[in-house]
């Protein structure tokens, strides 16, 4: 029975289920550049959260022991409490709770986040 229950975690499903209005800030640390941005603009938050909410993911191999990442993402609620942490490695791969996940449908808008870093560095 335990094996069956564990096996169901490998069925593609949505893992991010957050209302954009609940989010006050998204912090993204760029593992490629070492820079961090704080996203507080509500339209950016809504776009990113809706994009994450709409992706269906399939659990893959363990991520323990793997080094390096693109975007370490932390999502905060209106009280400033962390409500979710994940690492966006590409438009179709994230690390979440110790596993790699592959997107099976709508990709993450990786370029949108990447562009935010490029816009931020101009100031």
N, C-alpha and C. Protein backbone atom coordinates (compact mmCIF):
# COMPACT_ATOMS: atom_id res chain seq x y z
N UNK A 1 0.82 -1.19 0.00
CA UNK A 1 0.00 0.00 0.00
C UNK A 1 0.87 1.26 0.00
N UNK A 2 1.94 1.26 0.79
CA UNK A 2 2.84 2.41 0.85
C UNK A 2 3.47 2.66 -0.51
N UNK A 3 3.87 1.59 -1.20
CA UNK A 3 4.47 1.74 -2.53
C UNK A 3 3.49 2.33 -3.53
N UNK A 4 2.25 1.97 -3.43
CA UNK A 4 1.23 2.51 -4.32
C UNK A 4 1.04 3.99 -4.07
N UNK A 5 0.95 4.36 -2.81
CA UNK A 5 0.79 5.78 -2.47
C UNK A 5 2.00 6.57 -2.93
N UNK A 6 3.21 6.07 -2.67
CA UNK A 6 4.43 6.76 -3.11
C UNK A 6 4.47 6.85 -4.64
N UNK A 7 4.06 5.81 -5.30
CA UNK A 7 4.04 5.79 -6.76
C UNK A 7 3.15 6.85 -7.37
N UNK A 8 2.06 7.19 -6.69
CA UNK A 8 1.16 8.22 -7.20
C UNK A 8 1.80 9.60 -7.22
N UNK A 9 2.88 9.80 -6.45
CA UNK A 9 3.56 11.10 -6.48
C UNK A 9 4.27 11.33 -7.81
N UNK A 10 4.43 10.29 -8.61
CA UNK A 10 5.07 10.40 -9.92
C UNK A 10 4.07 10.67 -11.05
N UNK A 11 2.80 10.72 -10.73
CA UNK A 11 1.78 11.07 -11.72
C UNK A 11 1.85 12.59 -11.92
N UNK A 12 1.88 13.07 -13.18
CA UNK A 12 1.93 14.52 -13.40
C UNK A 12 0.78 15.24 -12.70
N UNK A 13 1.11 16.34 -12.04
CA UNK A 13 0.11 17.15 -11.35
C UNK A 13 0.63 18.56 -11.15
N UNK A 14 -0.23 19.43 -10.70
CA UNK A 14 0.15 20.80 -10.40
C UNK A 14 0.61 20.85 -8.95
N UNK A 15 1.81 21.42 -8.73
CA UNK A 15 2.32 21.48 -7.36
C UNK A 15 2.22 22.88 -6.77
N UNK A 16 2.13 23.88 -7.61
CA UNK A 16 2.00 25.26 -7.13
C UNK A 16 0.53 25.64 -7.25
N UNK A 17 -0.06 25.99 -6.11
CA UNK A 17 -1.47 26.38 -6.06
C UNK A 17 -1.59 27.57 -5.13
N UNK A 18 -1.22 28.73 -5.65
CA UNK A 18 -1.19 29.95 -4.83
C UNK A 18 -2.04 31.01 -5.50
N UNK A 19 -2.82 31.73 -4.72
CA UNK A 19 -3.57 32.87 -5.23
C UNK A 19 -2.60 34.06 -5.33
N UNK A 20 -2.47 34.69 -6.49
CA UNK A 20 -1.54 35.82 -6.62
C UNK A 20 -1.77 36.92 -5.58
N UNK A 21 -3.00 37.14 -5.17
CA UNK A 21 -3.30 38.19 -4.18
C UNK A 21 -2.70 37.88 -2.81
N UNK A 22 -2.39 36.60 -2.55
CA UNK A 22 -1.78 36.21 -1.28
C UNK A 22 -0.29 36.55 -1.22
N UNK A 23 0.31 36.86 -2.36
CA UNK A 23 1.76 37.03 -2.45
C UNK A 23 2.13 38.51 -2.33
N UNK A 24 3.07 38.80 -1.43
CA UNK A 24 3.55 40.17 -1.27
C UNK A 24 4.88 40.41 -1.99
N UNK A 25 5.66 39.33 -2.13
CA UNK A 25 6.99 39.48 -2.71
C UNK A 25 7.48 38.12 -3.21
N UNK A 26 8.26 38.18 -4.28
CA UNK A 26 8.97 37.01 -4.77
C UNK A 26 10.43 37.40 -4.85
N UNK A 27 11.27 36.63 -4.18
CA UNK A 27 12.71 36.86 -4.23
C UNK A 27 13.32 35.82 -5.15
N UNK A 28 14.13 36.29 -6.10
CA UNK A 28 14.77 35.38 -7.04
C UNK A 28 16.27 35.63 -7.00
N UNK A 29 17.03 34.59 -6.66
CA UNK A 29 18.49 34.65 -6.65
C UNK A 29 18.99 33.96 -7.92
N UNK A 30 19.78 34.67 -8.70
CA UNK A 30 20.31 34.15 -9.95
C UNK A 30 21.61 33.41 -9.67
N UNK A 31 21.59 32.10 -9.79
CA UNK A 31 22.77 31.29 -9.53
C UNK A 31 23.85 31.45 -10.57
N UNK A 32 23.52 32.02 -11.72
CA UNK A 32 24.51 32.24 -12.77
C UNK A 32 25.30 33.52 -12.53
N UNK A 33 24.64 34.56 -12.02
CA UNK A 33 25.30 35.86 -11.84
C UNK A 33 25.61 36.20 -10.39
N UNK A 34 24.88 35.59 -9.45
CA UNK A 34 25.05 35.92 -8.05
C UNK A 34 24.21 37.10 -7.60
N UNK A 35 23.37 37.63 -8.49
CA UNK A 35 22.51 38.75 -8.14
C UNK A 35 21.15 38.26 -7.68
N UNK A 36 20.49 39.10 -6.88
CA UNK A 36 19.15 38.79 -6.39
C UNK A 36 18.23 39.95 -6.68
N UNK A 37 16.99 39.64 -7.04
CA UNK A 37 15.98 40.68 -7.21
C UNK A 37 14.80 40.36 -6.30
N UNK A 38 14.12 41.43 -5.88
CA UNK A 38 12.89 41.32 -5.11
C UNK A 38 11.77 41.82 -6.00
N UNK A 39 10.85 40.96 -6.30
CA UNK A 39 9.73 41.32 -7.17
C UNK A 39 8.55 41.68 -6.28
N UNK A 40 8.14 42.94 -6.34
CA UNK A 40 7.02 43.41 -5.53
C UNK A 40 5.90 44.01 -6.36
N UNK A 41 6.16 44.27 -7.63
CA UNK A 41 5.14 44.80 -8.52
C UNK A 41 4.03 43.75 -8.68
N UNK A 42 2.80 44.13 -8.38
CA UNK A 42 1.71 43.17 -8.36
C UNK A 42 1.45 42.53 -9.72
N UNK A 43 1.65 43.27 -10.80
CA UNK A 43 1.43 42.68 -12.12
C UNK A 43 2.49 41.62 -12.43
N UNK A 44 3.74 41.85 -12.02
CA UNK A 44 4.79 40.84 -12.20
C UNK A 44 4.51 39.61 -11.34
N UNK A 45 4.11 39.85 -10.09
CA UNK A 45 3.77 38.74 -9.18
C UNK A 45 2.64 37.91 -9.77
N UNK A 46 1.60 38.58 -10.24
CA UNK A 46 0.45 37.86 -10.80
C UNK A 46 0.87 37.03 -12.01
N UNK A 47 1.68 37.60 -12.88
CA UNK A 47 2.11 36.88 -14.08
C UNK A 47 2.91 35.63 -13.71
N UNK A 48 3.89 35.78 -12.82
CA UNK A 48 4.75 34.67 -12.43
C UNK A 48 3.96 33.59 -11.70
N UNK A 49 3.14 33.98 -10.74
CA UNK A 49 2.36 33.01 -9.97
C UNK A 49 1.37 32.28 -10.87
N UNK A 50 0.68 32.99 -11.74
CA UNK A 50 -0.25 32.33 -12.66
C UNK A 50 0.49 31.36 -13.58
N UNK A 51 1.68 31.75 -14.03
CA UNK A 51 2.48 30.86 -14.87
C UNK A 51 2.84 29.59 -14.11
N UNK A 52 3.28 29.73 -12.86
CA UNK A 52 3.63 28.56 -12.05
C UNK A 52 2.39 27.71 -11.74
N UNK A 53 1.27 28.37 -11.45
CA UNK A 53 0.02 27.65 -11.15
C UNK A 53 -0.45 26.81 -12.34
N UNK A 54 -0.17 27.27 -13.54
CA UNK A 54 -0.68 26.61 -14.74
C UNK A 54 0.22 25.51 -15.28
N UNK A 55 1.34 25.25 -14.65
CA UNK A 55 2.24 24.21 -15.14
C UNK A 55 1.95 22.89 -14.44
N UNK A 56 1.92 21.84 -15.24
CA UNK A 56 1.77 20.49 -14.72
C UNK A 56 3.15 19.86 -14.72
N UNK A 57 3.51 19.23 -13.60
CA UNK A 57 4.86 18.71 -13.44
C UNK A 57 4.87 17.22 -13.17
N UNK A 58 5.91 16.59 -13.65
CA UNK A 58 6.11 15.16 -13.40
C UNK A 58 7.39 15.00 -12.60
N UNK A 59 7.26 14.33 -11.46
CA UNK A 59 8.40 14.10 -10.58
C UNK A 59 9.41 13.20 -11.27
N UNK A 60 10.69 13.57 -11.10
CA UNK A 60 11.78 12.79 -11.67
C UNK A 60 12.73 12.30 -10.60
N UNK A 61 14.00 12.35 -10.90
CA UNK A 61 15.01 11.81 -9.99
C UNK A 61 15.28 12.73 -8.82
N UNK A 62 15.90 12.18 -7.80
CA UNK A 62 16.30 12.95 -6.63
C UNK A 62 17.26 14.06 -7.03
N UNK A 63 17.13 15.21 -6.40
CA UNK A 63 17.99 16.35 -6.70
C UNK A 63 19.08 16.53 -5.64
N UNK A 64 19.11 15.68 -4.66
CA UNK A 64 20.08 15.79 -3.57
C UNK A 64 21.47 15.53 -4.13
N UNK A 65 22.40 16.42 -3.79
CA UNK A 65 23.78 16.28 -4.23
C UNK A 65 24.10 17.03 -5.50
N UNK A 66 23.09 17.55 -6.19
CA UNK A 66 23.33 18.31 -7.40
C UNK A 66 23.64 19.76 -7.05
N UNK A 67 24.66 20.30 -7.67
CA UNK A 67 25.07 21.68 -7.42
C UNK A 67 24.65 22.55 -8.59
N UNK A 68 24.56 23.84 -8.34
CA UNK A 68 24.24 24.80 -9.38
C UNK A 68 22.75 24.90 -9.64
N UNK A 69 22.36 26.10 -10.06
CA UNK A 69 20.95 26.35 -10.37
C UNK A 69 20.86 27.66 -11.13
N UNK A 70 19.72 27.91 -11.71
CA UNK A 70 19.49 29.19 -12.40
C UNK A 70 18.80 30.17 -11.46
N UNK A 71 17.53 29.93 -11.14
CA UNK A 71 16.76 30.89 -10.33
C UNK A 71 16.19 30.23 -9.07
N UNK A 72 16.80 30.53 -7.92
CA UNK A 72 16.26 30.06 -6.64
C UNK A 72 15.16 31.05 -6.25
N UNK A 73 13.96 30.56 -6.17
CA UNK A 73 12.77 31.40 -6.03
C UNK A 73 12.10 31.17 -4.68
N UNK A 74 11.84 32.26 -3.97
CA UNK A 74 11.15 32.20 -2.69
C UNK A 74 9.92 33.10 -2.76
N UNK A 75 8.78 32.56 -2.40
CA UNK A 75 7.51 33.28 -2.49
C UNK A 75 7.03 33.57 -1.07
N UNK A 76 6.68 34.84 -0.81
CA UNK A 76 6.26 35.30 0.52
C UNK A 76 4.79 35.72 0.50
N UNK A 77 4.09 35.44 1.61
CA UNK A 77 2.70 35.88 1.72
C UNK A 77 2.66 37.33 2.22
N UNK A 78 1.46 37.83 2.45
CA UNK A 78 1.27 39.22 2.86
C UNK A 78 1.86 39.51 4.25
N UNK A 79 2.05 38.48 5.06
CA UNK A 79 2.65 38.66 6.38
C UNK A 79 4.17 38.56 6.35
N UNK A 80 4.74 38.32 5.17
CA UNK A 80 6.18 38.18 5.05
C UNK A 80 6.70 36.78 5.35
N UNK A 81 5.81 35.81 5.47
CA UNK A 81 6.18 34.43 5.74
C UNK A 81 6.39 33.70 4.41
N UNK A 82 7.42 32.86 4.37
CA UNK A 82 7.68 32.07 3.18
C UNK A 82 6.56 31.05 3.00
N UNK A 83 5.96 31.05 1.80
CA UNK A 83 4.91 30.07 1.53
C UNK A 83 5.35 29.02 0.51
N UNK A 84 6.42 29.29 -0.23
CA UNK A 84 6.91 28.31 -1.19
C UNK A 84 8.35 28.63 -1.59
N UNK A 85 9.13 27.57 -1.80
CA UNK A 85 10.50 27.67 -2.28
C UNK A 85 10.67 26.67 -3.41
N UNK A 86 11.31 27.10 -4.48
CA UNK A 86 11.62 26.19 -5.57
C UNK A 86 12.78 26.77 -6.37
N UNK A 87 13.38 25.92 -7.19
CA UNK A 87 14.46 26.36 -8.05
C UNK A 87 14.02 26.14 -9.49
N UNK A 88 14.06 27.21 -10.27
CA UNK A 88 13.72 27.14 -11.68
C UNK A 88 15.04 26.96 -12.43
N UNK A 89 15.25 25.79 -13.01
CA UNK A 89 16.48 25.52 -13.74
C UNK A 89 16.38 25.88 -15.21
N UNK A 90 15.20 25.75 -15.78
CA UNK A 90 14.98 26.07 -17.20
C UNK A 90 13.48 26.22 -17.41
N UNK A 91 13.10 26.43 -18.66
CA UNK A 91 11.67 26.59 -18.95
C UNK A 91 10.88 25.31 -18.71
N UNK A 92 11.58 24.17 -18.62
CA UNK A 92 10.85 22.92 -18.44
C UNK A 92 11.36 22.05 -17.30
N UNK A 93 12.20 22.61 -16.41
CA UNK A 93 12.72 21.83 -15.28
C UNK A 93 12.80 22.70 -14.03
N UNK A 94 12.26 22.16 -12.93
CA UNK A 94 12.43 22.81 -11.63
C UNK A 94 12.93 21.78 -10.63
N UNK A 95 13.48 22.29 -9.52
CA UNK A 95 13.78 21.45 -8.37
C UNK A 95 12.85 21.90 -7.26
N UNK A 96 12.22 20.90 -6.64
CA UNK A 96 11.21 21.20 -5.63
C UNK A 96 11.21 20.09 -4.60
N UNK A 97 11.41 20.46 -3.35
CA UNK A 97 11.37 19.51 -2.24
C UNK A 97 12.23 18.27 -2.48
N UNK A 98 13.45 18.51 -2.99
CA UNK A 98 14.43 17.44 -3.12
C UNK A 98 14.35 16.60 -4.37
N UNK A 99 13.49 16.97 -5.33
CA UNK A 99 13.37 16.23 -6.58
C UNK A 99 13.41 17.17 -7.77
N UNK A 100 13.83 16.65 -8.90
CA UNK A 100 13.68 17.35 -10.17
C UNK A 100 12.27 17.08 -10.68
N UNK A 101 11.67 18.08 -11.28
CA UNK A 101 10.36 17.95 -11.90
C UNK A 101 10.47 18.46 -13.33
N UNK A 102 9.80 17.76 -14.24
CA UNK A 102 9.75 18.16 -15.63
C UNK A 102 8.36 18.65 -15.95
N UNK A 103 8.29 19.79 -16.63
CA UNK A 103 7.00 20.33 -17.02
C UNK A 103 6.46 19.51 -18.19
N UNK A 104 5.18 19.13 -18.09
CA UNK A 104 4.58 18.29 -19.12
C UNK A 104 3.66 19.05 -20.07
N UNK A 105 3.37 20.31 -19.76
CA UNK A 105 2.48 21.08 -20.64
C UNK A 105 3.04 22.48 -20.85
N UNK A 106 2.40 23.48 -20.30
CA UNK A 106 2.81 24.87 -20.47
C UNK A 106 4.15 25.11 -19.78
N UNK A 107 5.17 25.56 -20.51
CA UNK A 107 6.48 25.78 -19.88
C UNK A 107 6.47 27.00 -18.97
N UNK A 108 7.42 27.04 -18.07
CA UNK A 108 7.63 28.22 -17.24
C UNK A 108 8.21 29.30 -18.13
N UNK A 109 7.77 30.54 -17.94
CA UNK A 109 8.30 31.65 -18.73
C UNK A 109 9.65 32.07 -18.17
N UNK A 110 10.64 31.24 -18.43
CA UNK A 110 12.03 31.45 -17.97
C UNK A 110 12.58 32.78 -18.47
N UNK A 111 12.27 33.12 -19.71
CA UNK A 111 12.77 34.35 -20.31
C UNK A 111 12.22 35.59 -19.61
N UNK A 112 11.01 35.52 -19.10
CA UNK A 112 10.40 36.65 -18.37
C UNK A 112 11.24 36.98 -17.13
N UNK A 113 11.60 35.94 -16.39
CA UNK A 113 12.42 36.15 -15.19
C UNK A 113 13.82 36.60 -15.58
N UNK A 114 14.40 35.98 -16.57
CA UNK A 114 15.73 36.36 -17.05
C UNK A 114 15.75 37.83 -17.46
N UNK A 115 14.71 38.27 -18.15
CA UNK A 115 14.61 39.66 -18.59
C UNK A 115 14.53 40.62 -17.39
N UNK A 116 13.91 40.19 -16.31
CA UNK A 116 13.83 41.03 -15.12
C UNK A 116 15.23 41.31 -14.57
N UNK A 117 16.11 40.34 -14.62
CA UNK A 117 17.48 40.55 -14.18
C UNK A 117 18.22 41.49 -15.12
N UNK A 118 17.99 41.37 -16.40
CA UNK A 118 18.64 42.24 -17.38
C UNK A 118 18.16 43.67 -17.21
N UNK A 119 16.86 43.87 -16.98
CA UNK A 119 16.32 45.21 -16.75
C UNK A 119 16.86 45.81 -15.46
N UNK A 120 16.98 44.99 -14.43
CA UNK A 120 17.46 45.44 -13.11
C UNK A 120 18.91 45.90 -13.19
N UNK A 121 19.72 45.24 -13.99
CA UNK A 121 21.15 45.56 -14.05
C UNK A 121 21.44 46.85 -14.77
N UNK A 122 20.46 47.40 -15.44
CA UNK A 122 20.66 48.68 -16.16
C UNK A 122 20.62 49.88 -15.24
N UNK A 123 20.16 49.72 -14.03
CA UNK A 123 20.02 50.86 -13.10
C UNK A 123 21.26 51.07 -12.29
